[in-house]
N, C-alpha and C. Protein backbone atom coordinates (compact mmCIF):
# COMPACT_ATOMS: atom_id res chain seq x y z
N MET A 1 54.42 41.45 15.95
CA MET A 1 55.91 42.20 15.26
C MET A 1 56.25 42.36 16.90
N LEU A 2 55.72 43.30 17.66
CA LEU A 2 56.09 44.07 18.29
C LEU A 2 56.71 43.50 19.27
N ALA A 3 56.58 42.29 19.87
CA ALA A 3 57.03 41.39 20.44
C ALA A 3 58.47 40.74 20.43
N ASP A 4 58.31 40.80 18.61
CA ASP A 4 59.65 40.11 18.54
C ASP A 4 60.60 40.73 18.19
N MET A 5 60.18 41.94 17.51
CA MET A 5 61.57 43.08 17.44
C MET A 5 60.84 44.41 18.68
N SER A 6 61.88 44.44 19.69
CA SER A 6 61.22 45.38 20.49
C SER A 6 61.96 46.45 20.44
N ASP A 7 63.24 46.28 19.27
CA ASP A 7 64.00 47.88 19.10
C ASP A 7 63.09 48.40 17.81
N ILE A 8 61.75 48.05 17.44
CA ILE A 8 60.96 49.17 16.87
C ILE A 8 61.10 50.68 17.07
N GLY A 9 61.01 51.33 15.98
CA GLY A 9 60.56 52.66 16.37
C GLY A 9 62.03 53.20 16.56
N THR A 10 63.26 52.46 16.92
CA THR A 10 64.22 53.10 16.88
C THR A 10 65.34 53.17 16.03
N MET A 11 65.06 52.18 15.23
CA MET A 11 65.78 52.06 14.40
C MET A 11 66.06 53.33 12.74
N THR A 12 67.00 52.75 11.65
CA THR A 12 66.67 53.23 10.24
C THR A 12 66.17 52.27 9.80
N PRO A 13 65.60 52.49 8.57
CA PRO A 13 64.38 51.69 7.80
C PRO A 13 64.81 50.87 7.61
N LYS A 14 66.25 50.25 6.62
CA LYS A 14 67.50 49.29 6.19
C LYS A 14 67.61 48.50 7.35
N GLN A 15 67.63 49.49 9.41
CA GLN A 15 67.83 48.04 9.72
C GLN A 15 67.24 47.53 10.70
N VAL A 16 65.45 48.03 9.91
CA VAL A 16 64.22 47.63 10.44
C VAL A 16 63.75 46.43 9.63
N ALA A 17 64.22 46.41 7.95
CA ALA A 17 63.86 45.48 7.13
C ALA A 17 64.86 44.43 7.05
N ALA A 18 66.38 45.06 7.26
CA ALA A 18 67.01 43.43 7.88
C ALA A 18 66.49 42.90 9.32
N LEU A 19 66.45 43.61 10.07
CA LEU A 19 65.82 42.93 11.48
C LEU A 19 64.48 41.93 11.05
N ALA A 20 63.39 42.34 10.28
CA ALA A 20 62.46 41.28 10.26
C ALA A 20 62.91 40.39 9.22
N GLY A 21 63.87 40.87 8.90
CA GLY A 21 64.47 39.53 7.85
C GLY A 21 63.47 39.99 6.17
N LEU A 22 63.89 41.03 5.38
CA LEU A 22 63.33 41.12 4.24
C LEU A 22 63.84 42.16 3.87
N ALA A 23 65.01 42.67 4.03
CA ALA A 23 66.16 42.86 3.18
C ALA A 23 67.09 41.85 2.48
N PRO A 24 67.64 41.66 1.12
CA PRO A 24 68.07 40.75 0.14
C PRO A 24 70.11 40.98 1.14
N CYS A 25 70.34 39.06 0.61
CA CYS A 25 71.99 39.48 0.88
C CYS A 25 71.72 39.06 -0.35
N SER A 26 73.26 39.93 -0.99
CA SER A 26 73.87 38.90 -2.04
C SER A 26 74.95 38.24 -1.49
N ARG A 27 75.18 37.00 -2.94
CA ARG A 27 76.15 36.10 -2.57
C ARG A 27 77.18 36.76 -3.44
N GLU A 28 78.61 37.55 -3.33
CA GLU A 28 79.06 37.84 -4.65
C GLU A 28 80.51 38.10 -4.07
N SER A 29 81.14 37.38 -4.71
CA SER A 29 82.38 37.22 -4.46
C SER A 29 83.62 37.97 -5.88
N GLY A 30 84.82 38.85 -5.75
CA GLY A 30 85.05 39.19 -7.05
C GLY A 30 84.09 39.62 -7.68
N ALA A 31 84.29 38.49 -9.68
CA ALA A 31 83.99 39.03 -10.88
C ALA A 31 82.24 37.69 -10.63
N LYS A 32 82.23 36.57 -9.92
CA LYS A 32 80.84 36.62 -8.89
C LYS A 32 79.77 36.68 -8.80
N ALA A 33 78.72 36.51 -9.39
CA ALA A 33 77.30 37.92 -9.37
C ALA A 33 76.90 37.02 -8.41
N GLY A 34 76.44 36.63 -7.88
CA GLY A 34 75.44 35.16 -7.16
C GLY A 34 73.64 35.98 -6.96
N GLN A 35 72.42 35.34 -7.28
CA GLN A 35 71.61 35.70 -6.67
C GLN A 35 71.10 36.62 -5.66
N ARG A 36 70.59 37.77 -5.48
CA ARG A 36 70.07 37.68 -4.12
C ARG A 36 69.05 36.90 -3.08
N ARG A 37 69.72 36.82 -1.87
CA ARG A 37 67.82 35.88 -1.45
C ARG A 37 67.96 36.48 0.24
N ILE A 38 66.95 36.63 0.78
CA ILE A 38 66.56 36.66 2.02
C ILE A 38 66.84 35.72 2.74
N ARG A 39 67.92 35.64 3.51
CA ARG A 39 68.95 34.79 4.58
C ARG A 39 68.47 35.26 6.05
N ALA A 40 68.35 36.14 6.43
CA ALA A 40 68.85 37.00 7.49
C ALA A 40 66.92 36.93 8.34
N GLY A 41 67.55 37.83 9.08
CA GLY A 41 66.87 37.94 9.93
C GLY A 41 66.27 37.40 10.36
N ARG A 42 64.75 37.53 11.19
CA ARG A 42 64.06 36.81 12.56
C ARG A 42 62.93 36.48 11.51
N GLY A 43 62.58 34.61 11.25
CA GLY A 43 62.19 34.00 10.53
C GLY A 43 60.35 33.94 11.05
N THR A 44 60.36 34.50 12.07
CA THR A 44 59.13 34.75 12.64
C THR A 44 57.95 35.13 11.67
N THR A 45 58.99 36.61 12.61
CA THR A 45 57.98 37.86 11.84
C THR A 45 58.11 38.16 10.68
N ARG A 46 59.09 37.65 9.34
CA ARG A 46 58.91 37.42 8.17
C ARG A 46 57.91 36.62 7.85
N ARG A 47 57.86 35.96 8.42
CA ARG A 47 56.32 35.03 8.13
C ARG A 47 54.81 35.65 7.97
N ALA A 48 55.14 36.28 9.59
CA ALA A 48 53.52 37.26 9.78
C ALA A 48 53.58 38.41 9.14
N LEU A 49 54.42 38.98 7.91
CA LEU A 49 54.35 40.35 7.43
C LEU A 49 54.08 39.69 6.40
N VAL A 50 54.69 38.74 6.07
CA VAL A 50 54.68 37.99 4.35
C VAL A 50 52.74 38.02 4.35
N MET A 51 52.17 37.01 5.77
CA MET A 51 51.00 37.18 5.52
C MET A 51 49.86 38.43 5.53
N GLU A 52 50.01 39.25 6.40
CA GLU A 52 50.16 40.34 6.60
C GLU A 52 49.70 41.54 4.72
N ALA A 53 51.03 41.38 4.48
CA ALA A 53 51.61 41.67 2.98
C ALA A 53 49.95 41.28 2.13
N ILE A 54 49.89 39.71 2.04
CA ILE A 54 48.74 39.31 1.05
C ILE A 54 47.43 40.23 0.92
N VAL A 55 47.16 40.43 2.36
CA VAL A 55 45.94 41.19 3.27
C VAL A 55 45.80 42.99 2.86
N ALA A 56 47.33 42.95 2.80
CA ALA A 56 47.62 44.60 2.59
C ALA A 56 47.36 44.71 0.62
N ALA A 57 48.35 43.28 0.75
CA ALA A 57 48.23 43.75 -1.52
C ALA A 57 46.78 43.87 -1.98
N ARG A 58 45.95 43.48 -0.60
CA ARG A 58 44.13 43.04 -1.84
C ARG A 58 43.51 43.94 -1.15
N PHE A 59 43.46 44.59 -0.10
CA PHE A 59 42.31 45.37 0.45
C PHE A 59 42.86 47.21 1.37
N ASN A 60 44.36 47.14 1.23
CA ASN A 60 44.31 48.65 1.09
C ASN A 60 45.28 49.36 0.12
N PRO A 61 44.67 50.38 -0.83
CA PRO A 61 44.28 51.03 -1.86
C PRO A 61 46.26 51.37 -2.16
N CYS A 62 46.54 51.96 -0.77
CA CYS A 62 47.93 52.35 -1.60
C CYS A 62 48.96 50.97 -1.52
N MET A 63 48.90 50.10 -0.99
CA MET A 63 50.07 48.24 -1.29
C MET A 63 49.02 48.02 -2.38
N ASN A 64 47.89 48.29 -2.59
CA ASN A 64 47.79 47.21 -3.91
C ASN A 64 48.19 48.60 -4.57
N ALA A 65 47.55 49.51 -4.97
CA ALA A 65 48.74 49.80 -6.18
C ALA A 65 50.19 49.92 -5.92
N SER A 66 50.78 49.42 -4.81
CA SER A 66 52.59 49.23 -5.11
C SER A 66 52.60 48.16 -5.52
N TYR A 67 51.58 46.79 -5.09
CA TYR A 67 51.88 45.82 -5.67
C TYR A 67 51.53 46.05 -6.78
N ARG A 68 50.81 46.16 -7.53
CA ARG A 68 49.70 45.70 -8.82
C ARG A 68 51.05 46.37 -10.16
N ARG A 69 51.64 47.96 -9.61
CA ARG A 69 52.76 48.30 -10.34
C ARG A 69 54.12 47.58 -10.29
N LEU A 70 54.39 46.74 -9.59
CA LEU A 70 55.64 45.54 -9.45
C LEU A 70 55.17 44.65 -10.36
N VAL A 71 54.04 44.11 -10.20
CA VAL A 71 53.75 42.85 -10.92
C VAL A 71 53.71 43.48 -12.55
N GLU A 72 53.22 44.32 -12.71
CA GLU A 72 53.46 44.92 -14.07
C GLU A 72 54.62 45.40 -14.57
N GLN A 73 55.62 45.73 -13.42
CA GLN A 73 57.18 45.60 -13.88
C GLN A 73 57.68 44.42 -14.33
N GLY A 74 57.13 43.90 -14.45
CA GLY A 74 57.48 41.49 -14.83
C GLY A 74 58.01 41.14 -13.07
N LYS A 75 57.74 42.22 -12.22
CA LYS A 75 58.73 40.95 -10.45
C LYS A 75 57.65 40.01 -10.37
N ALA A 76 58.03 38.87 -9.90
CA ALA A 76 57.72 37.75 -9.48
C ALA A 76 56.19 38.53 -8.56
N LYS A 77 55.38 37.67 -8.55
CA LYS A 77 54.04 37.91 -7.45
C LYS A 77 54.91 37.72 -6.02
N LYS A 78 55.61 36.62 -5.46
CA LYS A 78 56.07 36.48 -4.35
C LYS A 78 57.20 37.94 -4.42
N VAL A 79 57.66 38.35 -5.17
CA VAL A 79 58.80 39.61 -4.78
C VAL A 79 57.86 40.59 -4.52
N ALA A 80 57.16 40.97 -5.05
CA ALA A 80 56.09 42.02 -5.15
C ALA A 80 55.65 41.66 -3.89
N LEU A 81 55.73 41.01 -3.15
CA LEU A 81 55.23 40.51 -1.52
C LEU A 81 55.12 40.72 -0.37
N VAL A 82 57.02 40.78 -0.94
CA VAL A 82 58.00 40.96 0.15
C VAL A 82 58.40 42.03 -0.26
N ALA A 83 58.22 42.55 -1.04
CA ALA A 83 58.35 44.44 -1.05
C ALA A 83 57.15 45.08 -0.42
N VAL A 84 55.95 44.45 -0.48
CA VAL A 84 54.76 45.48 0.49
C VAL A 84 54.92 44.93 1.23
N ALA A 85 55.53 43.89 2.02
CA ALA A 85 55.96 43.45 3.34
C ALA A 85 56.90 44.97 4.01
N ARG A 86 57.64 44.38 3.34
CA ARG A 86 59.16 45.53 3.71
C ARG A 86 58.20 46.88 3.65
N LYS A 87 57.58 47.92 2.78
CA LYS A 87 56.83 48.76 3.38
C LYS A 87 56.14 48.93 4.43
N LEU A 88 55.58 47.21 4.94
CA LEU A 88 54.35 47.25 6.13
C LEU A 88 55.51 47.36 7.13
N VAL A 89 56.50 46.89 6.72
CA VAL A 89 58.15 47.48 8.44
C VAL A 89 58.15 48.38 8.13
N ILE A 90 58.87 49.02 7.64
CA ILE A 90 59.04 50.58 7.39
C ILE A 90 58.08 51.52 8.11
N LEU A 91 56.47 51.18 7.61
CA LEU A 91 55.83 52.27 8.45
C LEU A 91 55.14 51.86 9.61
N ALA A 92 55.42 51.00 10.03
CA ALA A 92 54.89 50.61 11.31
C ALA A 92 56.50 51.37 12.05
N ASN A 93 57.60 50.95 11.63
CA ASN A 93 58.80 51.64 12.34
C ASN A 93 59.02 53.37 12.44
N THR A 94 57.89 53.68 11.40
CA THR A 94 58.18 55.01 11.06
C THR A 94 56.84 55.67 11.95
N LEU A 95 56.03 55.18 11.85
CA LEU A 95 54.89 55.59 12.61
C LEU A 95 54.54 55.40 14.72
N ILE A 96 55.72 54.17 15.01
CA ILE A 96 56.21 54.16 16.69
C ILE A 96 56.82 55.32 16.67
N CYS A 97 58.46 55.61 15.65
CA CYS A 97 58.84 56.49 16.12
C CYS A 97 59.04 58.06 16.17
N GLU A 98 57.74 58.23 15.06
CA GLU A 98 56.50 59.91 15.32
C GLU A 98 55.61 59.26 16.37
N ASP A 99 55.16 58.31 17.04
CA ASP A 99 54.22 58.40 18.39
C ASP A 99 53.22 59.11 17.09
N ARG A 100 52.74 58.45 16.22
CA ARG A 100 51.05 59.41 15.45
C ARG A 100 50.57 58.17 14.70
N PRO A 101 49.22 57.78 14.45
CA PRO A 101 48.57 57.08 14.39
C PRO A 101 48.71 56.86 12.59
N TRP A 102 48.08 56.14 11.83
CA TRP A 102 48.45 55.72 10.30
C TRP A 102 47.33 56.66 9.79
N GLN A 103 47.30 57.27 9.01
CA GLN A 103 46.00 58.17 7.92
C GLN A 103 46.45 57.74 6.36
N PRO A 104 44.99 57.46 5.91
CA PRO A 104 45.40 57.33 4.31
C PRO A 104 45.72 58.75 3.46
N LYS A 105 45.91 58.38 3.03
CA LYS A 105 46.67 59.31 1.84
C LYS A 105 45.18 59.70 1.45
N PRO A 106 44.42 61.27 0.61
CA PRO A 106 43.23 61.36 0.19
C PRO A 106 43.40 61.17 -0.92
N ALA A 107 42.57 60.57 -1.33
CA ALA A 107 42.89 60.49 -2.76
C ALA A 107 41.97 61.44 -3.95
């Protein structure tokens, strides 16, 4: 991820999610409201982050809770995985920006 996204740590959360290809782009024109899809960004980074999101949704208690909450709200499982991947890239951006290690929240 660091090799593919050399600007990480200097961007806002929305910018880093868009660069990673995890920000939905809407297809709307006038009264026509299309479905939002992920089209832009770096595909190699997006694929790697989705694989990391699968592992995080299974083994990381914080990400597992987010994933389960989204699925219980009726979101599709793939949509919930992309949301977890987006959380991961935003978390990585924040940790690099603040130059600190990740520490899980105490139970």
